[in-house]
């Protein structure tokens, strides 16, 4: 992965954070402006009660309180698991293009099932793999940061089931639902940290260490939950693009990992990664 590609992603994320931050400030101001002070009590003059507010307004206010109490609490996970206004579930078979570089950026995607590869092509035609995303990941968020066209391509690495959220519906949910905006910002920050780690890895670590690290990440080692020991079959060309080396070097290191018992090919359907591969990353 080239440095320029990483920097482009950083810029996209910064713009997304800026818009989300503006939306959060707007919501804070709006919430503070709902109550300007305590209502004045009713007054008595010569035995007659003068209402500080019309009766209709008080009835409406009480009704609003009751309605707010009966309102169902927003569930981000349910929102991302169901269809609704501005969002629909779309399926893509393995190797099908989800969107291509230069396509209109009009929606955000959420992976319900499967894996997605993100790539970018330079002006001279050189392709680089930016990353492979798993279930629970968002992509295409550049549309929220003012991008009118896609800066990269997304392809289904396996059979995928995605939730497509239109830009307008996504922005509305981020403004209205704090729980959802918290979840989305936390995801963006986590991925931003991952890109920084990738850059440091690219600058200071050997090709062998970079390959070991990317295999462990694909297998979910070091993350919550049970590691995905067998990962889908990935070409050596793709791995070479991800770590910034040649296919021949990847082939050399993969043969070494296999001889040492760090990895194994699971009948050609996938790659089995063992925790012992951590020794390559931790060894100086």
C-alpha atoms as a PDB file:
ATOM      1  CA  UNK A   1       0.000   0.000   0.000  1.00  0.00           C
ATOM      2  CA  UNK A   2       1.483   3.339  -1.047  1.00  0.00           C
ATOM      3  CA  UNK A   3       1.990   6.258   1.310  1.00  0.00           C
ATOM      4  CA  UNK A   4      -0.090   8.548  -0.927  1.00  0.00           C
ATOM      5  CA  UNK A   5      -3.067   6.183  -0.695  1.00  0.00           C
ATOM      6  CA  UNK A   6      -2.857   6.190   3.109  1.00  0.00           C
ATOM      7  CA  UNK A   7      -2.640   9.973   3.237  1.00  0.00           C
ATOM      8  CA  UNK A   8      -5.684  10.251   0.963  1.00  0.00           C
ATOM      9  CA  UNK A   9      -7.655   8.053   3.365  1.00  0.00           C
ATOM     10  CA  UNK A  10      -6.483  10.176   6.332  1.00  0.00           C
ATOM     11  CA  UNK A  11      -7.783  13.312   4.622  1.00  0.00           C
ATOM     12  CA  UNK A  12     -11.134  11.644   3.941  1.00  0.00           C
ATOM     13  CA  UNK A  13     -11.459  10.600   7.567  1.00  0.00           C
ATOM     14  CA  UNK A  14     -10.559  14.076   8.839  1.00  0.00           C
ATOM     15  CA  UNK A  15     -13.317  15.611   6.707  1.00  0.00           C
ATOM     16  CA  UNK A  16     -15.784  13.011   7.978  1.00  0.00           C
ATOM     17  CA  UNK A  17     -14.837  13.780  11.586  1.00  0.00           C
ATOM     18  CA  UNK A  18     -15.319  17.495  10.941  1.00  0.00           C
ATOM     19  CA  UNK A  19     -18.860  17.046   9.624  1.00  0.00           C
ATOM     20  CA  UNK A  20     -19.787  14.673  12.433  1.00  0.00           C
ATOM     21  CA  UNK A  21     -18.365  17.141  14.964  1.00  0.00           C
ATOM     22  CA  UNK A  22     -20.451  19.981  13.511  1.00  0.00           C
ATOM     23  CA  UNK A  23     -23.546  17.814  13.694  1.00  0.00           C
ATOM     24  CA  UNK A  24     -22.797  16.969  17.339  1.00  0.00           C
ATOM     25  CA  UNK A  25     -22.397  20.647  18.284  1.00  0.00           C
ATOM     26  CA  UNK A  26     -25.645  21.482  16.494  1.00  0.00           C
ATOM     27  CA  UNK A  27     -27.498  18.812  18.452  1.00  0.00           C
ATOM     28  CA  UNK A  28     -26.010  20.058  21.732  1.00  0.00           C
ATOM     29  CA  UNK A  29     -27.166  23.635  21.052  1.00  0.00           C
ATOM     30  CA  UNK A  30     -30.592  22.391  20.027  1.00  0.00           C
ATOM     31  CA  UNK A  31     -30.986  20.340  23.204  1.00  0.00           C
ATOM     32  CA  UNK A  32     -29.962  23.305  25.387  1.00  0.00           C
ATOM     33  CA  UNK A  33     -32.463  25.590  23.678  1.00  0.00           C
ATOM     34  CA  UNK A  34     -35.468  23.402  24.529  1.00  0.00           C
ATOM     35  CA  UNK A  35     -35.855  24.872  28.031  1.00  0.00           C
ATOM     36  CA  UNK A  36     -35.263  28.584  28.647  1.00  0.00           C
ATOM     37  CA  UNK A  37     -36.315  28.479  32.262  1.00  0.00           C
ATOM     38  CA  UNK A  38     -38.870  27.138  34.711  1.00  0.00           C
ATOM     39  CA  UNK A  39     -42.504  27.980  33.883  1.00  0.00           C
ATOM     40  CA  UNK A  40     -44.067  30.684  36.083  1.00  0.00           C
ATOM     41  CA  UNK A  41     -46.646  29.403  38.537  1.00  0.00           C
ATOM     42  CA  UNK A  42     -50.321  30.352  38.136  1.00  0.00           C
ATOM     43  CA  UNK A  43     -51.266  33.562  40.004  1.00  0.00           C
ATOM     44  CA  UNK A  44     -54.349  34.402  42.075  1.00  0.00           C
ATOM     45  CA  UNK A  45     -55.975  37.870  41.892  1.00  0.00           C
ATOM     46  CA  UNK A  46     -59.165  38.564  43.914  1.00  0.00           C
ATOM     47  CA  UNK A  47     -59.940  34.873  44.018  1.00  0.00           C
ATOM     48  CA  UNK A  48     -59.473  34.393  40.287  1.00  0.00           C
ATOM     49  CA  UNK A  49     -56.696  32.191  38.897  1.00  0.00           C
ATOM     50  CA  UNK A  50     -54.784  33.500  35.930  1.00  0.00           C
ATOM     51  CA  UNK A  51     -52.942  30.773  34.018  1.00  0.00           C
ATOM     52  CA  UNK A  52     -49.326  31.473  33.098  1.00  0.00           C
ATOM     53  CA  UNK A  53     -49.835  29.212  30.056  1.00  0.00           C
ATOM     54  CA  UNK A  54     -52.964  28.444  28.065  1.00  0.00           C
ATOM     55  CA  UNK A  55     -54.644  25.190  29.086  1.00  0.00           C
ATOM     56  CA  UNK A  56     -54.200  23.803  25.590  1.00  0.00           C
ATOM     57  CA  UNK A  57     -50.435  24.336  25.802  1.00  0.00           C
ATOM     58  CA  UNK A  58     -50.252  22.546  29.153  1.00  0.00           C
ATOM     59  CA  UNK A  59     -52.272  19.615  27.795  1.00  0.00           C
ATOM     60  CA  UNK A  60     -50.021  19.460  24.739  1.00  0.00           C
ATOM     61  CA  UNK A  61     -46.920  19.555  26.957  1.00  0.00           C
ATOM     62  CA  UNK A  62     -48.217  16.683  29.105  1.00  0.00           C
ATOM     63  CA  UNK A  63     -49.007  14.733  25.971  1.00  0.00           C
ATOM     64  CA  UNK A  64     -45.478  15.310  24.689  1.00  0.00           C
ATOM     65  CA  UNK A  65     -44.009  13.978  27.939  1.00  0.00           C
ATOM     66  CA  UNK A  66     -46.162  10.863  27.721  1.00  0.00           C
ATOM     67  CA  UNK A  67     -45.176  10.393  24.088  1.00  0.00           C
ATOM     68  CA  UNK A  68     -41.483  10.750  24.935  1.00  0.00           C
ATOM     69  CA  UNK A  69     -41.826   8.162  27.704  1.00  0.00           C
ATOM     70  CA  UNK A  70     -43.477   5.716  25.317  1.00  0.00           C
ATOM     71  CA  UNK A  71     -40.854   6.261  22.604  1.00  0.00           C
ATOM     72  CA  UNK A  72     -38.853   3.140  21.857  1.00  0.00           C
ATOM     73  CA  UNK A  73     -35.153   3.558  22.566  1.00  0.00           C
ATOM     74  CA  UNK A  74     -33.030   3.666  19.411  1.00  0.00           C
ATOM     75  CA  UNK A  75     -30.967   0.523  18.850  1.00  0.00           C
ATOM     76  CA  UNK A  76     -27.979   1.020  16.481  1.00  0.00           C
ATOM     77  CA  UNK A  77     -27.589  -2.735  15.973  1.00  0.00           C
ATOM     78  CA  UNK A  78     -31.235  -3.099  14.974  1.00  0.00           C
ATOM     79  CA  UNK A  79     -30.901  -0.104  12.659  1.00  0.00           C
ATOM     80  CA  UNK A  80     -27.960  -1.780  10.906  1.00  0.00           C
ATOM     81  CA  UNK A  81     -29.687  -5.173  10.724  1.00  0.00           C
ATOM     82  CA  UNK A  82     -32.990  -4.109   9.179  1.00  0.00           C
ATOM     83  CA  UNK A  83     -34.237  -2.303   6.095  1.00  0.00           C
ATOM     84  CA  UNK A  84     -36.097   1.002   6.244  1.00  0.00           C
ATOM     85  CA  UNK A  85     -36.358   4.426   4.677  1.00  0.00           C
ATOM     86  CA  UNK A  86     -33.146   5.159   2.790  1.00  0.00           C
ATOM     87  CA  UNK A  87     -31.545   1.801   3.532  1.00  0.00           C
ATOM     88  CA  UNK A  88     -31.807  -1.620   1.911  1.00  0.00           C
ATOM     89  CA  UNK A  89     -30.006  -4.964   1.953  1.00  0.00           C
ATOM     90  CA  UNK A  90     -28.044  -5.822  -1.187  1.00  0.00           C
ATOM     91  CA  UNK A  91     -26.181  -9.033  -1.997  1.00  0.00           C
ATOM     92  CA  UNK A  92     -22.990  -9.408  -4.018  1.00  0.00           C
ATOM     93  CA  UNK A  93     -21.458 -12.716  -5.092  1.00  0.00           C
ATOM     94  CA  UNK A  94     -17.744 -13.343  -4.747  1.00  0.00           C
ATOM     95  CA  UNK A  95     -15.508 -11.117  -6.940  1.00  0.00           C
ATOM     96  CA  UNK A  96     -18.360  -8.792  -7.981  1.00  0.00           C
ATOM     97  CA  UNK A  97     -17.667  -5.051  -7.931  1.00  0.00           C
ATOM     98  CA  UNK A  98     -19.701  -3.149  -5.328  1.00  0.00           C
ATOM     99  CA  UNK A  99     -18.624   0.248  -6.610  1.00  0.00           C
ATOM    100  CA  UNK A 100     -15.776   1.355  -8.867  1.00  0.00           C
ATOM    101  CA  UNK A 101     -13.325   4.224  -8.629  1.00  0.00           C
ATOM    102  CA  UNK A 102     -14.983   7.288 -10.162  1.00  0.00           C
ATOM    103  CA  UNK A 103     -18.574   6.181  -9.467  1.00  0.00           C
ATOM    104  CA  UNK A 104     -20.945   8.660  -7.761  1.00  0.00           C
ATOM    105  CA  UNK A 105     -20.468   8.662  -3.973  1.00  0.00           C
ATOM    106  CA  UNK A 106     -24.067   8.637  -2.793  1.00  0.00           C
ATOM    107  CA  UNK A 107     -24.240   5.986  -0.056  1.00  0.00           C
ATOM    108  CA  UNK A 108     -22.464   4.295   2.848  1.00  0.00           C
ATOM    109  CA  UNK A 109     -22.256   0.519   3.149  1.00  0.00           C
ATOM    110  CA  UNK A 110     -22.291  -1.702   6.236  1.00  0.00           C
ATOM    111  CA  UNK A 111     -21.114  -5.322   6.020  1.00  0.00           C
ATOM    112  CA  UNK A 112     -23.662  -7.702   7.536  1.00  0.00           C
ATOM    113  CA  UNK A 113     -21.964 -10.817   6.156  1.00  0.00           C
ATOM    114  CA  UNK A 114     -18.811 -11.478   4.148  1.00  0.00           C
ATOM    115  CA  UNK A 115     -15.545  -9.707   3.355  1.00  0.00           C
ATOM    116  CA  UNK A 116     -14.831  -6.714   1.102  1.00  0.00           C
ATOM    117  CA  UNK A 117     -11.579  -5.641  -0.553  1.00  0.00           C
ATOM    118  CA  UNK A 118     -10.787  -1.932  -0.994  1.00  0.00           C
ATOM    119  CA  UNK A 119      -8.436  -0.989  -3.841  1.00  0.00           C
ATOM    120  CA  UNK A 120      -7.231   2.139  -5.613  1.00  0.00           C
ATOM    121  CA  UNK A 121      -5.662   2.598  -9.056  1.00  0.00           C
ATOM    122  CA  UNK A 122      -3.115   5.317  -9.844  1.00  0.00           C
ATOM    123  CA  UNK A 123      -3.146   7.462 -12.990  1.00  0.00           C
ATOM    124  CA  UNK A 124      -0.520   5.197 -14.556  1.00  0.00           C
ATOM    125  CA  UNK A 125      -2.651   2.117 -13.909  1.00  0.00           C
ATOM    126  CA  UNK A 126      -0.888   0.693 -10.847  1.00  0.00           C
ATOM    127  CA  UNK A 127      -3.311  -0.935  -8.410  1.00  0.00           C
ATOM    128  CA  UNK A 128      -2.883  -1.037  -4.618  1.00  0.00           C
ATOM    129  CA  UNK A 129      -4.979  -2.891  -2.039  1.00  0.00           C
ATOM    130  CA  UNK A 130      -5.924  -0.605   0.853  1.00  0.00           C
ATOM    131  CA  UNK A 131      -7.424  -3.271   3.051  1.00  0.00           C
ATOM    132  CA  UNK A 132      -9.835  -6.133   3.557  1.00  0.00           C
ATOM    133  CA  UNK A 133     -12.925  -5.413   5.659  1.00  0.00           C
ATOM    134  CA  UNK A 134     -14.931  -7.911   7.698  1.00  0.00           C
ATOM    135  CA  UNK A 135     -18.434  -8.146   9.118  1.00  0.00           C
ATOM    136  CA  UNK A 136     -19.420  -5.093  11.140  1.00  0.00           C
ATOM    137  CA  UNK A 137     -17.346  -2.664   9.065  1.00  0.00           C
ATOM    138  CA  UNK A 138     -18.483   0.496   7.276  1.00  0.00           C
ATOM    139  CA  UNK A 139     -17.073   1.647   3.953  1.00  0.00           C
ATOM    140  CA  UNK A 140     -17.856   4.334   1.401  1.00  0.00           C
ATOM    141  CA  UNK A 141     -18.038   6.977   4.163  1.00  0.00           C
ATOM    142  CA  UNK A 142     -16.152   9.458   1.966  1.00  0.00           C
ATOM    143  CA  UNK A 143     -19.570  10.499   0.630  1.00  0.00           C
ATOM    144  CA  UNK A 144     -20.276  12.074   4.035  1.00  0.00           C
ATOM    145  CA  UNK A 145     -17.143  14.217   3.785  1.00  0.00           C
ATOM    146  CA  UNK A 146     -18.106  15.951   0.561  1.00  0.00           C
ATOM    147  CA  UNK A 147     -16.695  13.456  -1.956  1.00  0.00           C
ATOM    148  CA  UNK A 148     -18.860  13.427  -5.060  1.00  0.00           C
ATOM    149  CA  UNK A 149     -16.966  10.538  -6.696  1.00  0.00           C
ATOM    150  CA  UNK A 150     -15.485   7.346  -5.268  1.00  0.00           C
ATOM    151  CA  UNK A 151     -11.723   7.605  -4.712  1.00  0.00           C
ATOM    152  CA  UNK A 152     -11.319   3.820  -4.779  1.00  0.00           C
ATOM    153  CA  UNK A 153     -13.099   0.588  -5.613  1.00  0.00           C
ATOM    154  CA  UNK A 154     -14.802  -2.020  -3.421  1.00  0.00           C
ATOM    155  CA  UNK A 155     -15.063  -5.673  -4.426  1.00  0.00           C
ATOM    156  CA  UNK A 156     -16.661  -8.670  -2.718  1.00  0.00           C
ATOM    157  CA  UNK A 157     -13.881 -11.000  -1.574  1.00  0.00           C
ATOM    158  CA  UNK A 158     -16.510 -13.559  -0.539  1.00  0.00           C
ATOM    159  CA  UNK A 159     -20.278 -13.725  -0.996  1.00  0.00           C
ATOM    160  CA  UNK A 160     -21.510 -10.578   0.764  1.00  0.00           C
ATOM    161  CA  UNK A 161     -24.684  -9.238   2.289  1.00  0.00           C
ATOM    162  CA  UNK A 162     -24.495  -5.466   2.736  1.00  0.00           C
ATOM    163  CA  UNK A 163     -26.739  -2.744   4.093  1.00  0.00           C
ATOM    164  CA  UNK A 164     -26.746   0.197   1.677  1.00  0.00           C
ATOM    165  CA  UNK A 165     -27.553   3.454   3.498  1.00  0.00           C
ATOM    166  CA  UNK A 166     -28.239   6.504   1.348  1.00  0.00           C
ATOM    167  CA  UNK A 167     -26.205   9.587   2.207  1.00  0.00           C
ATOM    168  CA  UNK A 168     -29.253  11.591   3.327  1.00  0.00           C
ATOM    169  CA  UNK A 169     -30.515   8.805   5.590  1.00  0.00           C
ATOM    170  CA  UNK A 170     -27.047   8.329   7.091  1.00  0.00           C
ATOM    171  CA  UNK A 171     -26.597  12.027   7.864  1.00  0.00           C
ATOM    172  CA  UNK A 172     -30.084  12.171   9.393  1.00  0.00           C
ATOM    173  CA  UNK A 173     -29.364   9.182  11.648  1.00  0.00           C
ATOM    174  CA  UNK A 174     -26.031  10.682  12.747  1.00  0.00           C
ATOM    175  CA  UNK A 175     -27.730  13.978  13.672  1.00  0.00           C
ATOM    176  CA  UNK A 176     -30.713  12.493  15.472  1.00  0.00           C
ATOM    177  CA  UNK A 177     -29.339   9.426  17.219  1.00  0.00           C
ATOM    178  CA  UNK A 178     -26.404   9.926  19.576  1.00  0.00           C
ATOM    179  CA  UNK A 179     -25.972   6.179  20.114  1.00  0.00           C
ATOM    180  CA  UNK A 180     -25.526   5.634  16.387  1.00  0.00           C
ATOM    181  CA  UNK A 181     -23.170   8.584  15.921  1.00  0.00           C
ATOM    182  CA  UNK A 182     -21.069   7.339  18.857  1.00  0.00           C
ATOM    183  CA  UNK A 183     -20.824   3.893  17.258  1.00  0.00           C
ATOM    184  CA  UNK A 184     -19.914   5.324  13.853  1.00  0.00           C
ATOM    185  CA  UNK A 185     -17.281   7.747  15.165  1.00  0.00           C
ATOM    186  CA  UNK A 186     -15.740   4.979  17.305  1.00  0.00           C
ATOM    187  CA  UNK A 187     -15.454   2.819  14.192  1.00  0.00           C
ATOM    188  CA  UNK A 188     -13.818   5.614  12.174  1.00  0.00           C
ATOM    189  CA  UNK A 189     -11.330   6.330  14.953  1.00  0.00           C
ATOM    190  CA  UNK A 190     -10.455   2.655  15.221  1.00  0.00           C
ATOM    191  CA  UNK A 191      -9.867   2.381  11.503  1.00  0.00           C
ATOM    192  CA  UNK A 192      -7.837   5.583  11.500  1.00  0.00           C
ATOM    193  CA  UNK A 193      -5.564   4.043  14.152  1.00  0.00           C
ATOM    194  CA  UNK A 194      -5.263   0.936  11.973  1.00  0.00           C
ATOM    195  CA  UNK A 195      -4.118   3.056   8.999  1.00  0.00           C
ATOM    196  CA  UNK A 196      -1.510   4.772  11.178  1.00  0.00           C
ATOM    197  CA  UNK A 197      -0.236   1.375  12.317  1.00  0.00           C
ATOM    198  CA  UNK A 198      -0.089   0.251   8.676  1.00  0.00           C
ATOM    199  CA  UNK A 199       2.017   3.284   7.795  1.00  0.00           C
ATOM    200  CA  UNK A 200       4.441   2.685  10.683  1.00  0.00           C
ATOM    201  CA  UNK A 201       4.614  -0.980   9.702  1.00  0.00           C
ATOM    202  CA  UNK A 202       5.376  -0.017   6.103  1.00  0.00           C
ATOM    203  CA  UNK A 203       8.138   2.390   7.115  1.00  0.00           C
ATOM    204  CA  UNK A 204       9.985   0.433   9.775  1.00  0.00           C
ATOM    205  CA  UNK A 205       9.279  -3.304   9.529  1.00  0.00           C
ATOM    206  CA  UNK A 206      10.618  -5.924   7.139  1.00  0.00           C
ATOM    207  CA  UNK A 207       8.498  -7.519   4.418  1.00  0.00           C
ATOM    208  CA  UNK A 208       8.369 -10.749   6.422  1.00  0.00           C
ATOM    209  CA  UNK A 209       6.994  -9.010   9.509  1.00  0.00           C
ATOM    210  CA  UNK A 210       4.482  -7.030   7.431  1.00  0.00           C
ATOM    211  CA  UNK A 211       3.202 -10.244   5.854  1.00  0.00           C
ATOM    212  CA  UNK A 212       2.894 -11.994   9.213  1.00  0.00           C
ATOM    213  CA  UNK A 213       1.028  -9.005  10.666  1.00  0.00           C
ATOM    214  CA  UNK A 214      -1.466  -8.792   7.806  1.00  0.00           C
ATOM    215  CA  UNK A 215      -2.209 -12.529   8.024  1.00  0.00           C
ATOM    216  CA  UNK A 216      -2.834 -12.231  11.765  1.00  0.00           C
ATOM    217  CA  UNK A 217      -5.126  -9.249  11.218  1.00  0.00           C
ATOM    218  CA  UNK A 218      -7.104 -11.121   8.581  1.00  0.00           C
ATOM    219  CA  UNK A 219      -7.497 -13.983  11.041  1.00  0.00           C
ATOM    220  CA  UNK A 220      -8.722 -11.547  13.751  1.00  0.00           C
ATOM    221  CA  UNK A 221      -5.932 -12.372  16.204  1.00  0.00           C
ATOM    222  CA  UNK A 222      -5.770  -9.734  18.939  1.00  0.00           C
ATOM    223  CA  UNK A 223      -9.444  -8.761  18.524  1.00  0.00           C
ATOM    224  CA  UNK A 224     -12.489  -9.580  20.618  1.00  0.00           C
ATOM    225  CA  UNK A 225     -14.037 -12.953  19.992  1.00  0.00           C
ATOM    226  CA  UNK A 226     -12.625 -16.221  18.692  1.00  0.00           C
ATOM    227  CA  UNK A 227      -9.919 -15.876  16.000  1.00  0.00           C
ATOM    228  CA  UNK A 228     -10.947 -16.864  12.488  1.00  0.00           C
ATOM    229  CA  UNK A 229      -8.288 -19.513  12.060  1.00  0.00           C
ATOM    230  CA  UNK A 230      -9.168 -20.240   8.418  1.00  0.00           C
ATOM    231  CA  UNK A 231      -9.340 -17.142   6.223  1.00  0.00           C
ATOM    232  CA  UNK A 232     -10.668 -17.063   2.645  1.00  0.00           C
ATOM    233  CA  UNK A 233      -8.194 -17.820  -0.116  1.00  0.00           C
ATOM    234  CA  UNK A 234      -6.294 -14.646  -1.043  1.00  0.00           C
ATOM    235  CA  UNK A 235      -3.922 -14.418  -3.967  1.00  0.00           C
ATOM    236  CA  UNK A 236      -0.257 -13.735  -3.349  1.00  0.00           C
ATOM    237  CA  UNK A 237      -0.555 -10.718  -5.669  1.00  0.00           C
ATOM    238  CA  UNK A 238      -3.127  -9.192  -3.308  1.00  0.00           C
ATOM    239  CA  UNK A 239      -0.949  -9.843  -0.261  1.00  0.00           C
ATOM    240  CA  UNK A 240       2.030  -8.311  -2.081  1.00  0.00           C
ATOM    241  CA  UNK A 241       0.007  -5.148  -2.822  1.00  0.00           C
ATOM    242  CA  UNK A 242      -1.112  -4.896   0.795  1.00  0.00           C
ATOM    243  CA  UNK A 243       2.397  -5.039   2.276  1.00  0.00           C
ATOM    244  CA  UNK A 244       4.248  -3.230  -0.511  1.00  0.00           C
ATOM    245  CA  UNK A 245       6.501  -5.949  -1.889  1.00  0.00           C
ATOM    246  CA  UNK A 246       6.711  -8.384  -4.823  1.00  0.00           C
ATOM    247  CA  UNK A 247       4.797 -11.602  -5.352  1.00  0.00           C
ATOM    248  CA  UNK A 248       8.029 -13.606  -5.364  1.00  0.00           C
ATOM    249  CA  UNK A 249       8.919 -12.333  -1.878  1.00  0.00           C
ATOM    250  CA  UNK A 250       5.441 -13.219  -0.607  1.00  0.00           C
ATOM    251  CA  UNK A 251       5.798 -16.709  -2.091  1.00  0.00           C
ATOM    252  CA  UNK A 252       9.176 -17.130  -0.387  1.00  0.00           C
ATOM    253  CA  UNK A 253       7.872 -16.080   3.034  1.00  0.00           C
ATOM    254  CA  UNK A 254       4.664 -18.141   2.731  1.00  0.00           C
ATOM    255  CA  UNK A 255       6.706 -21.255   1.992  1.00  0.00           C
ATOM    256  CA  UNK A 256       8.864 -20.487   5.031  1.00  0.00           C
ATOM    257  CA  UNK A 257       5.805 -19.950   7.272  1.00  0.00           C
ATOM    258  CA  UNK A 258       4.366 -23.231   6.060  1.00  0.00           C
ATOM    259  CA  UNK A 259       7.615 -25.135   6.678  1.00  0.00           C
ATOM    260  CA  UNK A 260       7.771 -23.748  10.222  1.00  0.00           C
ATOM    261  CA  UNK A 261       4.148 -24.721  10.910  1.00  0.00           C
ATOM    262  CA  UNK A 262       2.863 -21.130  11.198  1.00  0.00           C
ATOM    263  CA  UNK A 263       0.314 -21.495   8.368  1.00  0.00           C
ATOM    264  CA  UNK A 264      -1.285 -24.313   6.438  1.00  0.00           C
ATOM    265  CA  UNK A 265      -3.450 -24.521   3.342  1.00  0.00           C
ATOM    266  CA  UNK A 266      -6.857 -25.929   4.197  1.00  0.00           C
ATOM    267  CA  UNK A 267      -7.537 -28.085   1.147  1.00  0.00           C
ATOM    268  CA  UNK A 268      -7.251 -25.119  -1.189  1.00  0.00           C
ATOM    269  CA  UNK A 269     -10.391 -23.451   0.223  1.00  0.00           C
ATOM    270  CA  UNK A 270      -8.587 -21.150   2.611  1.00  0.00           C
ATOM    271  CA  UNK A 271      -5.507 -20.431   4.655  1.00  0.00           C
ATOM    272  CA  UNK A 272      -5.140 -21.709   8.212  1.00  0.00           C
ATOM    273  CA  UNK A 273      -3.246 -19.301  10.454  1.00  0.00           C
ATOM    274  CA  UNK A 274      -1.767 -20.493  13.750  1.00  0.00           C
ATOM    275  CA  UNK A 275      -1.103 -18.289  16.774  1.00  0.00           C
ATOM    276  CA  UNK A 276       2.586 -19.260  16.590  1.00  0.00           C
ATOM    277  CA  UNK A 277       2.871 -16.789  13.691  1.00  0.00           C
ATOM    278  CA  UNK A 278       2.937 -14.093  16.388  1.00  0.00           C
ATOM    279  CA  UNK A 279       6.549 -15.075  17.015  1.00  0.00           C
ATOM    280  CA  UNK A 280       7.529 -13.533  13.664  1.00  0.00           C
ATOM    281  CA  UNK A 281       5.938 -10.194  14.597  1.00  0.00           C
ATOM    282  CA  UNK A 282       7.304 -10.110  18.142  1.00  0.00           C
ATOM    283  CA  UNK A 283      10.810 -11.282  17.277  1.00  0.00           C
ATOM    284  CA  UNK A 284      13.401  -8.505  16.843  1.00  0.00           C
END
